[in-house]
């Protein structure tokens, strides 16, 4: 697949003149092949398909080594990006599984010892959501108080490292209880060494992965429905 994509925005990710050359991640996760009925469906939204893939590559293209990364202000290493991705997709349960394998493989190549710690974080953080308490007046009737996940409380800070632990806590906040996001949460990130640019990148990762999960889930339902109709 190759396509020139003009400046646009996909799920909060700015995509500027990206040459898409990698296999389409969503197609691979769903199992869509050229000529399939779903391939025709996606070709009907060609721009959305191209921009989604371009956004994926913009977020997961090779990054500098290191944590965040020390030598380049605002950067987020590939190690952290794939670790956060594996955590976010884990929180989505079975819906995240089709996309998780590639990030697990990439993290294994970058830092295989980290996988067990990330999976432990998923196990400790997983719970039905979203939930939380609204700060806005008039929404208190929709409040659903719930437990706050912190890597430190789960005894995972040492295994993850303080910067990644803070990044994973931020991801849990955005996935499970975004209504409770507050300035103090950003302060925890800056306290762990993340600057504003890196915090935006981490937040974009979480937003985009959630978007991908929803697209894959919807296409999978269409695929299963089509298969049942074919065999009846």
Foldseek 3Di string as FASTA:
>chain_A
DWDFADFDADLRFTFHGATQDDDQLLCQLLVPDPPDPVNVVCVVVVNNSVVLSRSVCVLQPAFDPPACRVVDALRGHNLLLLLLLLLLLLLVPPLSVSNNVVSLVVNCVVPNQLVVLSVLLSVVLHDDAQAAAAPDPPCRVRHDDDDQDACVVSVRCVSCPQQSSLLNSVLSCVRHYVNPDDPVSVVSNVVSPHDPSNVSSSVSSSSSSVVSSVVSVVVNVVVVVVVVVVVD
